[in-house]
C-alpha cells in the first residue's frame, strides 16, 4: 500500500542516453535526439493526466552542452525550435503550460522568439506545467542569485537566496535520471535538497509512461524523513 504522505506534485527528469541509443542502432547522435523529443511529449501527456502532478521539469540543454560538437549543438537548436512550434497543438490538447528555466538569452533571436510565443500561447493552461531547463546550470543560478542579493546589500539567508533563484516553482518531490548514470550534472542542486532520486538504466528514447508509473509507485512507498528519523 502506498504511503499517502508522499504526495507527488513536482517531477524532475534528466533525459540521458540519446547518443548511446543512436550508436547502438548504428545511427548518428541526432537520431537519438529526435526520438527522445517524442518521449518528452509522451511523458508530458502522462503528467497532464496524472491526478497529482502539477509540474514536470526536463533537463533539456545544460550550460555544459555547448561543449558538444558544433553540428550537434546546431541540430539541437533547430530541433528545439521546430519541436516547440509543432507541439503547440499538443500543449493545447492536454492543457499543458510551457515554461523555461535558464539563460535563453544565449540562444538565437529566432529561438528566443519561438520560446516566448509558446509561453504566451499556453499561459492559460492548468493541467500541468512543463518546464524545460535550457542553457541551465545550477551553480550559475545560485551564484547569480547570491550576487544580486549582495548588489542590493541584502542579507543572504536560506530564505532570501531561495526566493532569488530563477526557479520559483514548488520543491521537487522526485527526480528521475535515465541511462544508468548516477549523478546530478549540475541540475537544480538547490531544489533537489530533499528530493527522492531514481536512476534507471533505460535510455531516454526507450523510456515509457509505463516505466514512469512503476517508478512513481515505488516513490509513493518510500519513507521520506526530510532529515528526521
Protein backbone atom coordinates (compact mmCIF):
# COMPACT_ATOMS: atom_id res chain seq x y z
CA UNK A 1 0.00 0.00 0.00
CA UNK A 2 1.37 3.44 -0.89
CA UNK A 3 2.39 5.98 1.74
CA UNK A 4 -0.21 8.72 1.44
CA UNK A 5 2.26 11.26 2.88
CA UNK A 6 4.36 11.03 -0.29
CA UNK A 7 2.33 13.31 -2.48
CA UNK A 8 3.87 13.86 -5.90
CA UNK A 9 3.36 17.34 -7.33
CA UNK A 10 6.72 18.18 -8.96
CA UNK A 11 8.65 15.66 -11.04
CA UNK A 12 12.10 16.39 -12.50
CA UNK A 13 13.76 14.32 -15.21
CA UNK A 14 17.33 14.23 -16.51
CA UNK A 15 16.86 12.92 -20.05
CA UNK A 16 20.03 10.95 -20.73
CA UNK A 17 21.04 8.34 -23.28
CA UNK A 18 20.02 9.76 -26.65
CA UNK A 19 23.51 9.44 -28.11
CA UNK A 20 24.04 5.89 -26.85
CA UNK A 21 20.61 4.86 -28.12
CA UNK A 22 21.55 6.08 -31.60
CA UNK A 23 25.01 4.50 -31.51
CA UNK A 24 23.62 1.09 -30.51
CA UNK A 25 21.45 1.20 -33.63
CA UNK A 26 24.13 2.44 -35.99
CA UNK A 27 22.62 5.91 -36.29
CA UNK A 28 24.18 9.33 -35.86
CA UNK A 29 23.59 11.00 -32.49
CA UNK A 30 20.97 13.38 -33.85
CA UNK A 31 18.60 10.46 -34.47
CA UNK A 32 18.61 9.79 -30.76
CA UNK A 33 17.66 13.38 -30.03
CA UNK A 34 14.74 13.17 -32.46
CA UNK A 35 13.42 10.02 -30.81
CA UNK A 36 13.99 11.49 -27.36
CA UNK A 37 11.86 14.50 -28.25
CA UNK A 38 8.93 12.17 -28.93
CA UNK A 39 9.36 10.62 -25.49
CA UNK A 40 9.24 14.07 -23.89
CA UNK A 41 5.81 14.52 -25.46
CA UNK A 42 4.59 11.15 -24.16
CA UNK A 43 5.80 11.82 -20.62
CA UNK A 44 4.28 15.29 -20.59
CA UNK A 45 0.94 13.81 -21.64
CA UNK A 46 1.18 11.26 -18.84
CA UNK A 47 1.88 14.03 -16.32
CA UNK A 48 -1.02 16.12 -17.62
CA UNK A 49 -3.36 13.20 -16.99
CA UNK A 50 -1.86 12.25 -13.61
CA UNK A 51 -4.10 13.19 -10.66
CA UNK A 52 -1.43 14.94 -8.55
CA UNK A 53 1.46 16.02 -10.79
CA UNK A 54 1.36 19.79 -11.29
CA UNK A 55 4.85 20.39 -12.70
CA UNK A 56 7.35 18.36 -14.71
CA UNK A 57 10.82 19.76 -15.34
CA UNK A 58 13.03 18.31 -18.08
CA UNK A 59 16.78 18.92 -18.27
CA UNK A 60 16.92 19.71 -21.97
CA UNK A 61 20.15 21.68 -22.51
CA UNK A 62 22.79 22.48 -19.92
CA UNK A 63 25.39 25.23 -19.91
CA UNK A 64 27.97 22.47 -20.43
CA UNK A 65 26.23 21.16 -23.57
CA UNK A 66 27.77 23.98 -25.61
CA UNK A 67 30.98 21.91 -25.48
CA UNK A 68 29.44 19.26 -27.75
CA UNK A 69 30.35 19.14 -31.47
CA UNK A 70 29.10 22.24 -33.28
CA UNK A 71 26.95 20.24 -35.71
CA UNK A 72 25.17 18.58 -32.79
CA UNK A 73 24.54 21.87 -30.98
CA UNK A 74 23.20 23.46 -34.16
CA UNK A 75 20.92 20.47 -34.69
CA UNK A 76 19.61 20.68 -31.13
CA UNK A 77 18.77 24.36 -31.56
CA UNK A 78 16.88 23.69 -34.80
CA UNK A 79 15.15 20.67 -33.30
CA UNK A 80 14.03 22.65 -30.26
CA UNK A 81 12.62 25.44 -32.40
CA UNK A 82 10.68 23.15 -34.73
CA UNK A 83 9.59 20.84 -31.91
CA UNK A 84 8.09 23.69 -29.89
CA UNK A 85 6.12 25.00 -32.86
CA UNK A 86 4.87 21.53 -33.73
CA UNK A 87 3.98 20.83 -30.09
CA UNK A 88 1.69 23.82 -29.68
CA UNK A 89 -1.35 21.78 -30.69
CA UNK A 90 -0.32 19.08 -28.21
CA UNK A 91 0.04 21.65 -25.41
CA UNK A 92 -3.50 22.83 -26.13
CA UNK A 93 -4.84 19.28 -26.36
CA UNK A 94 -3.52 18.23 -22.96
CA UNK A 95 -3.81 21.57 -21.20
CA UNK A 96 -0.07 21.95 -20.67
CA UNK A 97 1.55 25.26 -19.81
CA UNK A 98 5.08 25.78 -21.16
CA UNK A 99 7.81 27.47 -19.13
CA UNK A 100 11.61 27.55 -19.12
CA UNK A 101 14.41 28.00 -16.63
CA UNK A 102 17.91 29.02 -17.65
CA UNK A 103 19.55 31.75 -19.68
CA UNK A 104 17.71 31.69 -23.01
CA UNK A 105 19.46 34.91 -24.00
CA UNK A 106 22.27 32.64 -25.12
CA UNK A 107 20.05 31.35 -27.92
CA UNK A 108 19.39 32.86 -31.33
CA UNK A 109 16.76 35.64 -31.61
CA UNK A 110 14.61 33.24 -33.66
CA UNK A 111 14.60 30.59 -30.95
CA UNK A 112 14.01 33.17 -28.22
CA UNK A 113 11.01 34.45 -30.15
CA UNK A 114 9.60 30.92 -30.50
CA UNK A 115 10.04 30.25 -26.79
CA UNK A 116 8.26 33.50 -25.89
CA UNK A 117 5.45 32.70 -28.34
CA UNK A 118 4.79 29.21 -26.93
CA UNK A 119 4.83 30.56 -23.38
CA UNK A 120 2.27 33.20 -24.30
CA UNK A 121 0.00 30.79 -26.18
CA UNK A 122 -0.05 28.23 -23.35
CA UNK A 123 -0.11 30.58 -20.35
CA UNK A 124 -3.77 29.84 -19.60
CA UNK A 125 -3.40 26.05 -19.33
CA UNK A 126 -3.64 24.46 -15.88
CA UNK A 127 -3.44 20.66 -16.21
CA UNK A 128 0.35 20.60 -15.91
CA UNK A 129 3.28 22.98 -16.24
CA UNK A 130 6.08 21.67 -18.42
CA UNK A 131 9.40 23.36 -17.68
CA UNK A 132 12.38 22.91 -19.98
CA UNK A 133 15.74 23.68 -18.38
CA UNK A 134 17.54 25.41 -21.26
CA UNK A 135 21.11 26.71 -21.11
CA UNK A 136 20.78 25.96 -17.42
CA UNK A 137 23.42 25.32 -14.76
CA UNK A 138 22.59 25.13 -11.06
CA UNK A 139 25.90 26.55 -9.82
CA UNK A 140 25.48 29.57 -12.08
CA UNK A 141 21.89 30.03 -10.91
CA UNK A 142 22.93 30.01 -7.23
CA UNK A 143 25.95 32.27 -7.79
CA UNK A 144 23.89 34.81 -9.74
CA UNK A 145 21.21 34.83 -7.06
CA UNK A 146 23.80 35.50 -4.35
CA UNK A 147 25.38 38.23 -6.47
CA UNK A 148 22.06 40.02 -6.93
CA UNK A 149 21.40 39.96 -3.19
CA UNK A 150 24.89 41.29 -2.47
CA UNK A 151 24.48 44.08 -5.03
CA UNK A 152 21.29 45.17 -3.28
CA UNK A 153 23.11 44.86 0.07
CA UNK A 154 20.51 42.38 1.31
CA UNK A 155 21.30 39.72 3.87
CA UNK A 156 21.99 36.36 2.26
CA UNK A 157 19.94 33.73 4.08
CA UNK A 158 18.48 30.41 3.06
CA UNK A 159 15.11 32.08 2.59
CA UNK A 160 16.33 35.11 0.64
CA UNK A 161 18.61 33.05 -1.59
CA UNK A 162 15.88 30.53 -2.34
CA UNK A 163 13.46 33.31 -3.25
CA UNK A 164 16.02 34.89 -5.57
CA UNK A 165 16.56 31.76 -7.67
CA UNK A 166 15.27 31.61 -11.24
CA UNK A 167 13.04 28.62 -10.45
CA UNK A 168 10.06 29.97 -8.45
CA UNK A 169 8.21 26.67 -8.52
CA UNK A 170 7.24 24.09 -5.93
CA UNK A 171 10.04 21.97 -4.49
CA UNK A 172 10.83 18.82 -6.40
CA UNK A 173 9.49 15.59 -4.94
CA UNK A 174 11.04 13.04 -7.29
CA UNK A 175 14.00 13.21 -9.68
CA UNK A 176 14.43 10.53 -12.34
CA UNK A 177 17.56 10.09 -14.45
CA UNK A 178 17.67 7.68 -17.36
CA UNK A 179 20.61 5.77 -18.94
CA UNK A 180 22.08 4.34 -15.73
CA UNK A 181 24.27 7.33 -14.88
CA UNK A 182 24.04 8.25 -11.20
CA UNK A 183 24.91 11.93 -10.93
CA UNK A 184 23.07 15.27 -10.98
CA UNK A 185 25.13 17.00 -13.69
CA UNK A 186 24.62 20.49 -12.21
CA UNK A 187 20.82 20.17 -12.34
CA UNK A 188 18.64 22.02 -9.80
CA UNK A 189 21.10 21.42 -6.95
CA UNK A 190 19.25 23.70 -4.53
CA UNK A 191 15.77 22.45 -5.42
CA UNK A 192 16.75 18.78 -5.11
CA UNK A 193 17.89 19.07 -1.47
CA UNK A 194 15.23 16.71 -0.11
CA UNK A 195 14.02 15.05 -3.29
CA UNK A 196 13.86 11.33 -3.80
CA UNK A 197 16.11 10.04 -6.60
CA UNK A 198 15.53 7.19 -9.02
CA UNK A 199 18.13 6.06 -11.56
CA UNK A 200 17.02 3.74 -14.34
CA UNK A 201 19.28 2.00 -16.88
CA UNK A 202 16.72 2.66 -19.60
CA UNK A 203 17.96 5.04 -22.29
CA UNK A 204 15.74 8.09 -22.71
CA UNK A 205 14.41 7.18 -26.20
CA UNK A 206 13.22 3.85 -24.74
CA UNK A 207 11.63 5.36 -21.63
CA UNK A 208 7.85 4.96 -21.42
CA UNK A 209 4.95 6.26 -19.33
CA UNK A 210 4.52 2.70 -18.03
CA UNK A 211 8.03 2.69 -16.58
CA UNK A 212 7.44 6.12 -15.08
CA UNK A 213 4.26 4.82 -13.49
CA UNK A 214 6.23 1.96 -11.90
CA UNK A 215 8.83 4.43 -10.61
CA UNK A 216 6.11 6.62 -9.11
CA UNK A 217 4.58 3.59 -7.37
CA UNK A 218 7.96 2.88 -5.75
CA UNK A 219 8.31 6.52 -4.76
CA UNK A 220 4.92 6.51 -3.07
CA UNK A 221 6.06 3.63 -0.86
CA UNK A 222 9.33 5.23 0.23
CA UNK A 223 9.76 6.64 3.72
CA UNK A 224 10.68 10.30 3.25
CA UNK A 225 12.22 11.57 6.51
CA UNK A 226 13.43 15.05 5.43
CA UNK A 227 16.37 14.78 7.84
CA UNK A 228 14.27 13.29 10.66
CA UNK A 229 14.08 9.72 11.94
